Amino acid sequence: MAEYAIVYEWAGQNYSAYAPDLPGCIACGDTIEETENLMREAIDLYIETLKEDGKTIPSPTTKTGSLQIAI
């Protein structure tokens, strides 16, 4: 098992997501939940393709957090 950081962004009409440790692995959906499900599928396909091509699967290295800032 590996745990990859996922970044979700509101794109004005929908949500988009990407995994910084998996270049080019992205997904878009109407809701966060849909985007998360599509991202899970995208990661599975991404890793499957790497395995089929005999390439190394990148290790998760990106860490996430949040900060509260007074505005």
PDB file of N, CA and C in Angstrom:
ATOM      1  N   MET A   1       0.841  -1.181   0.000  1.00  0.00           N
ATOM      2  CA  MET A   1       0.000   0.000   0.000  1.00  0.00           C
ATOM      3  C   MET A   1       0.889   1.249   0.000  1.00  0.00           C
ATOM      4  N   ALA A   2       0.428   2.263  -0.682  1.00  0.00           N
ATOM      5  CA  ALA A   2       1.114   3.551  -0.693  1.00  0.00           C
ATOM      6  C   ALA A   2       0.059   4.632  -0.554  1.00  0.00           C
ATOM      7  N   GLU A   3       0.432   5.749   0.021  1.00  0.00           N
ATOM      8  CA  GLU A   3      -0.490   6.863   0.202  1.00  0.00           C
ATOM      9  C   GLU A   3       0.069   8.080  -0.528  1.00  0.00           C
ATOM     10  N   TYR A   4      -0.607   8.473  -1.605  1.00  0.00           N
ATOM     11  CA  TYR A   4      -0.188   9.613  -2.413  1.00  0.00           C
ATOM     12  C   TYR A   4      -1.002  10.850  -2.047  1.00  0.00           C
ATOM     13  N   ALA A   5      -0.327  11.977  -1.973  1.00  0.00           N
ATOM     14  CA  ALA A   5      -1.014  13.250  -1.750  1.00  0.00           C
ATOM     15  C   ALA A   5      -1.783  13.607  -3.015  1.00  0.00           C
ATOM     16  N   ILE A   6      -3.008  14.085  -2.846  1.00  0.00           N
ATOM     17  CA  ILE A   6      -3.851  14.516  -3.949  1.00  0.00           C
ATOM     18  C   ILE A   6      -4.227  15.971  -3.709  1.00  0.00           C
ATOM     19  N   VAL A   7      -4.093  16.794  -4.745  1.00  0.00           N
ATOM     20  CA  VAL A   7      -4.476  18.205  -4.667  1.00  0.00           C
ATOM     21  C   VAL A   7      -5.782  18.365  -5.433  1.00  0.00           C
ATOM     22  N   TYR A   8      -6.786  18.928  -4.753  1.00  0.00           N
ATOM     23  CA  TYR A   8      -8.084  19.207  -5.370  1.00  0.00           C
ATOM     24  C   TYR A   8      -8.216  20.709  -5.556  1.00  0.00           C
ATOM     25  N   GLU A   9      -8.723  21.109  -6.722  1.00  0.00           N
ATOM     26  CA  GLU A   9      -8.905  22.530  -7.009  1.00  0.00           C
ATOM     27  C   GLU A   9     -10.265  22.754  -7.645  1.00  0.00           C
ATOM     28  N   TRP A  10     -10.916  23.850  -7.274  1.00  0.00           N
ATOM     29  CA  TRP A  10     -12.142  24.261  -7.940  1.00  0.00           C
ATOM     30  C   TRP A  10     -11.721  24.953  -9.228  1.00  0.00           C
ATOM     31  N   ALA A  11     -12.248  24.487 -10.367  1.00  0.00           N
ATOM     32  CA  ALA A  11     -11.832  25.012 -11.670  1.00  0.00           C
ATOM     33  C   ALA A  11     -12.889  25.930 -12.290  1.00  0.00           C
ATOM     34  N   GLY A  12     -13.819  26.408 -11.492  1.00  0.00           N
ATOM     35  CA  GLY A  12     -14.835  27.326 -11.980  1.00  0.00           C
ATOM     36  C   GLY A  12     -16.121  26.637 -12.389  1.00  0.00           C
ATOM     37  N   GLN A  13     -16.024  25.483 -13.021  1.00  0.00           N
ATOM     38  CA  GLN A  13     -17.194  24.714 -13.442  1.00  0.00           C
ATOM     39  C   GLN A  13     -17.194  23.304 -12.840  1.00  0.00           C
ATOM     40  N   ASN A  14     -16.051  22.876 -12.390  1.00  0.00           N
ATOM     41  CA  ASN A  14     -15.895  21.526 -11.859  1.00  0.00           C
ATOM     42  C   ASN A  14     -14.659  21.491 -10.972  1.00  0.00           C
ATOM     43  N   TYR A  15     -14.389  20.323 -10.425  1.00  0.00           N
ATOM     44  CA  TYR A  15     -13.179  20.120  -9.630  1.00  0.00           C
ATOM     45  C   TYR A  15     -12.144  19.384 -10.471  1.00  0.00           C
ATOM     46  N   SER A  16     -10.894  19.690 -10.225  1.00  0.00           N
ATOM     47  CA  SER A  16      -9.813  18.940 -10.841  1.00  0.00           C
ATOM     48  C   SER A  16      -8.900  18.453  -9.725  1.00  0.00           C
ATOM     49  N   ALA A  17      -8.155  17.412 -10.017  1.00  0.00           N
ATOM     50  CA  ALA A  17      -7.249  16.847  -9.019  1.00  0.00           C
ATOM     51  C   ALA A  17      -6.007  16.317  -9.712  1.00  0.00           C
ATOM     52  N   TYR A  18      -4.910  16.322  -8.971  1.00  0.00           N
ATOM     53  CA  TYR A  18      -3.674  15.732  -9.466  1.00  0.00           C
ATOM     54  C   TYR A  18      -2.858  15.201  -8.304  1.00  0.00           C
ATOM     55  N   ALA A  19      -1.969  14.272  -8.641  1.00  0.00           N
ATOM     56  CA  ALA A  19      -1.062  13.688  -7.656  1.00  0.00           C
ATOM     57  C   ALA A  19       0.349  14.189  -7.975  1.00  0.00           C
ATOM     58  N   PRO A  20       0.916  15.066  -7.147  1.00  0.00           N
ATOM     59  CA  PRO A  20       2.240  15.625  -7.444  1.00  0.00           C
ATOM     60  C   PRO A  20       3.333  14.580  -7.670  1.00  0.00           C
ATOM     61  N   ASP A  21       3.211  13.433  -7.046  1.00  0.00           N
ATOM     62  CA  ASP A  21       4.238  12.393  -7.185  1.00  0.00           C
ATOM     63  C   ASP A  21       4.035  11.508  -8.412  1.00  0.00           C
ATOM     64  N   LEU A  22       2.914  11.719  -9.125  1.00  0.00           N
ATOM     65  CA  LEU A  22       2.613  10.924 -10.316  1.00  0.00           C
ATOM     66  C   LEU A  22       2.367  11.887 -11.479  1.00  0.00           C
ATOM     67  N   PRO A  23       3.409  12.385 -12.098  1.00  0.00           N
ATOM     68  CA  PRO A  23       3.285  13.405 -13.140  1.00  0.00           C
ATOM     69  C   PRO A  23       2.307  13.016 -14.247  1.00  0.00           C
ATOM     70  N   GLY A  24       1.368  13.912 -14.521  1.00  0.00           N
ATOM     71  CA  GLY A  24       0.395  13.686 -15.572  1.00  0.00           C
ATOM     72  C   GLY A  24      -0.831  12.912 -15.137  1.00  0.00           C
ATOM     73  N   CYS A  25      -0.872  12.468 -13.907  1.00  0.00           N
ATOM     74  CA  CYS A  25      -2.020  11.715 -13.398  1.00  0.00           C
ATOM     75  C   CYS A  25      -3.030  12.724 -12.851  1.00  0.00           C
ATOM     76  N   ILE A  26      -4.137  12.908 -13.587  1.00  0.00           N
ATOM     77  CA  ILE A  26      -5.129  13.923 -13.236  1.00  0.00           C
ATOM     78  C   ILE A  26      -6.536  13.351 -13.394  1.00  0.00           C
ATOM     79  N   ALA A  27      -7.508  14.055 -12.820  1.00  0.00           N
ATOM     80  CA  ALA A  27      -8.916  13.704 -12.988  1.00  0.00           C
ATOM     81  C   ALA A  27      -9.752  14.958 -12.763  1.00  0.00           C
ATOM     82  N   CYS A  28     -10.948  14.970 -13.333  1.00  0.00           N
ATOM     83  CA  CYS A  28     -11.897  16.074 -13.169  1.00  0.00           C
ATOM     84  C   CYS A  28     -13.275  15.497 -12.903  1.00  0.00           C
ATOM     85  N   GLY A  29     -14.053  16.183 -12.080  1.00  0.00           N
ATOM     86  CA  GLY A  29     -15.416  15.739 -11.791  1.00  0.00           C
ATOM     87  C   GLY A  29     -16.277  16.884 -11.324  1.00  0.00           C
ATOM     88  N   ASP A  30     -17.572  16.644 -11.265  1.00  0.00           N
ATOM     89  CA  ASP A  30     -18.520  17.680 -10.857  1.00  0.00           C
ATOM     90  C   ASP A  30     -18.496  17.943  -9.352  1.00  0.00           C
ATOM     91  N   THR A  31     -18.124  16.932  -8.568  1.00  0.00           N
ATOM     92  CA  THR A  31     -18.056  17.064  -7.108  1.00  0.00           C
ATOM     93  C   THR A  31     -16.704  16.541  -6.625  1.00  0.00           C
ATOM     94  N   ILE A  32     -16.377  16.869  -5.392  1.00  0.00           N
ATOM     95  CA  ILE A  32     -15.146  16.342  -4.790  1.00  0.00           C
ATOM     96  C   ILE A  32     -15.209  14.812  -4.765  1.00  0.00           C
ATOM     97  N   GLU A  33     -16.358  14.266  -4.391  1.00  0.00           N
ATOM     98  CA  GLU A  33     -16.503  12.816  -4.284  1.00  0.00           C
ATOM     99  C   GLU A  33     -16.285  12.144  -5.643  1.00  0.00           C
ATOM    100  N   GLU A  34     -16.907  12.697  -6.689  1.00  0.00           N
ATOM    101  CA  GLU A  34     -16.720  12.128  -8.025  1.00  0.00           C
ATOM    102  C   GLU A  34     -15.264  12.239  -8.458  1.00  0.00           C
ATOM    103  N   THR A  35     -14.666  13.381  -8.194  1.00  0.00           N
ATOM    104  CA  THR A  35     -13.271  13.607  -8.567  1.00  0.00           C
ATOM    105  C   THR A  35     -12.355  12.644  -7.820  1.00  0.00           C
ATOM    106  N   GLU A  36     -12.639  12.404  -6.561  1.00  0.00           N
ATOM    107  CA  GLU A  36     -11.836  11.455  -5.782  1.00  0.00           C
ATOM    108  C   GLU A  36     -11.941  10.048  -6.373  1.00  0.00           C
ATOM    109  N   ASN A  37     -13.141   9.622  -6.717  1.00  0.00           N
ATOM    110  CA  ASN A  37     -13.317   8.291  -7.309  1.00  0.00           C
ATOM    111  C   ASN A  37     -12.598   8.177  -8.646  1.00  0.00           C
ATOM    112  N   LEU A  38     -12.704   9.220  -9.476  1.00  0.00           N
ATOM    113  CA  LEU A  38     -12.030   9.212 -10.769  1.00  0.00           C
ATOM    114  C   LEU A  38     -10.516   9.249 -10.593  1.00  0.00           C
ATOM    115  N   MET A  39     -10.055   9.953  -9.570  1.00  0.00           N
ATOM    116  CA  MET A  39      -8.619  10.031  -9.310  1.00  0.00           C
ATOM    117  C   MET A  39      -8.091   8.667  -8.873  1.00  0.00           C
ATOM    118  N   ARG A  40      -8.863   7.963  -8.076  1.00  0.00           N
ATOM    119  CA  ARG A  40      -8.460   6.609  -7.647  1.00  0.00           C
ATOM    120  C   ARG A  40      -8.309   5.709  -8.881  1.00  0.00           C
ATOM    121  N   GLU A  41      -9.269   5.788  -9.807  1.00  0.00           N
ATOM    122  CA  GLU A  41      -9.190   5.010 -11.042  1.00  0.00           C
ATOM    123  C   GLU A  41      -7.982   5.424 -11.877  1.00  0.00           C
ATOM    124  N   ALA A  42      -7.732   6.737 -11.942  1.00  0.00           N
ATOM    125  CA  ALA A  42      -6.601   7.240 -12.726  1.00  0.00           C
ATOM    126  C   ALA A  42      -5.278   6.728 -12.159  1.00  0.00           C
ATOM    127  N   ILE A  43      -5.150   6.721 -10.840  1.00  0.00           N
ATOM    128  CA  ILE A  43      -3.919   6.240 -10.206  1.00  0.00           C
ATOM    129  C   ILE A  43      -3.740   4.745 -10.464  1.00  0.00           C
ATOM    130  N   ASP A  44      -4.823   3.988 -10.325  1.00  0.00           N
ATOM    131  CA  ASP A  44      -4.734   2.545 -10.595  1.00  0.00           C
ATOM    132  C   ASP A  44      -4.253   2.291 -12.017  1.00  0.00           C
ATOM    133  N   LEU A  45      -4.818   2.999 -12.987  1.00  0.00           N
ATOM    134  CA  LEU A  45      -4.425   2.836 -14.388  1.00  0.00           C
ATOM    135  C   LEU A  45      -2.989   3.299 -14.611  1.00  0.00           C
ATOM    136  N   TYR A  46      -2.614   4.404 -13.995  1.00  0.00           N
ATOM    137  CA  TYR A  46      -1.263   4.952 -14.101  1.00  0.00           C
ATOM    138  C   TYR A  46      -0.237   3.920 -13.634  1.00  0.00           C
ATOM    139  N   ILE A  47      -0.480   3.352 -12.455  1.00  0.00           N
ATOM    140  CA  ILE A  47       0.455   2.377 -11.883  1.00  0.00           C
ATOM    141  C   ILE A  47       0.467   1.086 -12.708  1.00  0.00           C
ATOM    142  N   GLU A  48      -0.698   0.655 -13.159  1.00  0.00           N
ATOM    143  CA  GLU A  48      -0.776  -0.531 -14.005  1.00  0.00           C
ATOM    144  C   GLU A  48       0.046  -0.347 -15.285  1.00  0.00           C
ATOM    145  N   THR A  49      -0.064   0.823 -15.881  1.00  0.00           N
ATOM    146  CA  THR A  49       0.684   1.119 -17.107  1.00  0.00           C
ATOM    147  C   THR A  49       2.187   1.131 -16.848  1.00  0.00           C
ATOM    148  N   LEU A  50       2.603   1.728 -15.728  1.00  0.00           N
ATOM    149  CA  LEU A  50       4.030   1.724 -15.382  1.00  0.00           C
ATOM    150  C   LEU A  50       4.538   0.290 -15.245  1.00  0.00           C
ATOM    151  N   LYS A  51       3.773  -0.552 -14.571  1.00  0.00           N
ATOM    152  CA  LYS A  51       4.176  -1.950 -14.385  1.00  0.00           C
ATOM    153  C   LYS A  51       4.299  -2.668 -15.723  1.00  0.00           C
ATOM    154  N   GLU A  52       3.292  -2.469 -16.596  1.00  0.00           N
ATOM    155  CA  GLU A  52       3.313  -3.117 -17.913  1.00  0.00           C
ATOM    156  C   GLU A  52       4.518  -2.680 -18.738  1.00  0.00           C
ATOM    157  N   ASP A  53       4.925  -1.411 -18.566  1.00  0.00           N
ATOM    158  CA  ASP A  53       6.059  -0.872 -19.315  1.00  0.00           C
ATOM    159  C   ASP A  53       7.398  -1.145 -18.637  1.00  0.00           C
ATOM    160  N   GLY A  54       7.371  -1.832 -17.486  1.00  0.00           N
ATOM    161  CA  GLY A  54       8.594  -2.154 -16.766  1.00  0.00           C
ATOM    162  C   GLY A  54       9.258  -0.951 -16.129  1.00  0.00           C
ATOM    163  N   LYS A  55       8.479   0.077 -15.856  1.00  0.00           N
ATOM    164  CA  LYS A  55       9.021   1.302 -15.250  1.00  0.00           C
ATOM    165  C   LYS A  55       8.828   1.290 -13.743  1.00  0.00           C
ATOM    166  N   THR A  56       9.627   2.094 -13.079  1.00  0.00           N
ATOM    167  CA  THR A  56       9.570   2.211 -11.631  1.00  0.00           C
ATOM    168  C   THR A  56       8.344   3.011 -11.202  1.00  0.00           C
ATOM    169  N   ILE A  57       7.677   2.539 -10.178  1.00  0.00           N
ATOM    170  CA  ILE A  57       6.548   3.268  -9.614  1.00  0.00           C
ATOM    171  C   ILE A  57       7.099   4.295  -8.639  1.00  0.00           C
ATOM    172  N   PRO A  58       6.801   5.604  -8.853  1.00  0.00           N
ATOM    173  CA  PRO A  58       7.328   6.630  -7.955  1.00  0.00           C
ATOM    174  C   PRO A  58       6.831   6.437  -6.521  1.00  0.00           C
ATOM    175  N   SER A  59       7.722   6.627  -5.587  1.00  0.00           N
ATOM    176  CA  SER A  59       7.338   6.580  -4.182  1.00  0.00           C
ATOM    177  C   SER A  59       6.648   7.884  -3.806  1.00  0.00           C
ATOM    178  N   PRO A  60       5.669   7.805  -2.909  1.00  0.00           N
ATOM    179  CA  PRO A  60       5.051   9.044  -2.450  1.00  0.00           C
ATOM    180  C   PRO A  60       6.033   9.827  -1.583  1.00  0.00           C
ATOM    181  N   THR A  61       6.262  11.077  -1.945  1.00  0.00           N
ATOM    182  CA  THR A  61       7.177  11.918  -1.170  1.00  0.00           C
ATOM    183  C   THR A  61       6.544  13.245  -0.767  1.00  0.00           C
ATOM    184  N   THR A  62       5.491  13.649  -1.462  1.00  0.00           N
ATOM    185  CA  THR A  62       4.858  14.934  -1.177  1.00  0.00           C
ATOM    186  C   THR A  62       4.076  14.854   0.122  1.00  0.00           C
ATOM    187  N   LYS A  63       4.264  15.833   0.978  1.00  0.00           N
ATOM    188  CA  LYS A  63       3.517  15.940   2.225  1.00  0.00           C
ATOM    189  C   LYS A  63       2.599  17.158   2.128  1.00  0.00           C
ATOM    190  N   THR A  64       1.453  17.076   2.757  1.00  0.00           N
ATOM    191  CA  THR A  64       0.516  18.191   2.716  1.00  0.00           C
ATOM    192  C   THR A  64       0.184  18.658   4.132  1.00  0.00           C
ATOM    193  N   GLY A  65      -0.321  19.837   4.192  1.00  0.00           N
ATOM    194  CA  GLY A  65      -0.756  20.422   5.449  1.00  0.00           C
ATOM    195  C   GLY A  65      -1.527  21.676   5.146  1.00  0.00           C
ATOM    196  N   SER A  66      -2.024  22.288   6.170  1.00  0.00           N
ATOM    197  CA  SER A  66      -2.726  23.559   6.007  1.00  0.00           C
ATOM    198  C   SER A  66      -2.372  24.477   7.170  1.00  0.00           C
ATOM    199  N   LEU A  67      -2.485  25.736   6.918  1.00  0.00           N
ATOM    200  CA  LEU A  67      -2.196  26.750   7.937  1.00  0.00           C
ATOM    201  C   LEU A  67      -3.380  27.684   8.059  1.00  0.00           C
ATOM    202  N   GLN A  68      -3.732  28.067   9.251  1.00  0.00           N
ATOM    203  CA  GLN A  68      -4.769  29.078   9.448  1.00  0.00           C
ATOM    204  C   GLN A  68      -4.090  30.432   9.446  1.00  0.00           C
ATOM    205  N   ILE A  69      -4.613  31.329   8.618  1.00  0.00           N
ATOM    206  CA  ILE A  69      -4.061  32.663   8.482  1.00  0.00           C
ATOM    207  C   ILE A  69      -5.162  33.678   8.721  1.00  0.00           C
ATOM    208  N   ALA A  70      -4.888  34.680   9.529  1.00  0.00           N
ATOM    209  CA  ALA A  70      -5.868  35.743   9.771  1.00  0.00           C
ATOM    210  C   ALA A  70      -5.963  36.624   8.532  1.00  0.00           C
ATOM    211  N   ILE A  71      -7.187  36.842   8.067  1.00  0.00           N
ATOM    212  CA  ILE A  71      -7.381  37.723   6.893  1.00  0.00           C
ATOM    213  C   ILE A  71      -8.396  38.793   7.193  1.00  0.00           C
TER     214      ILE A  71
END
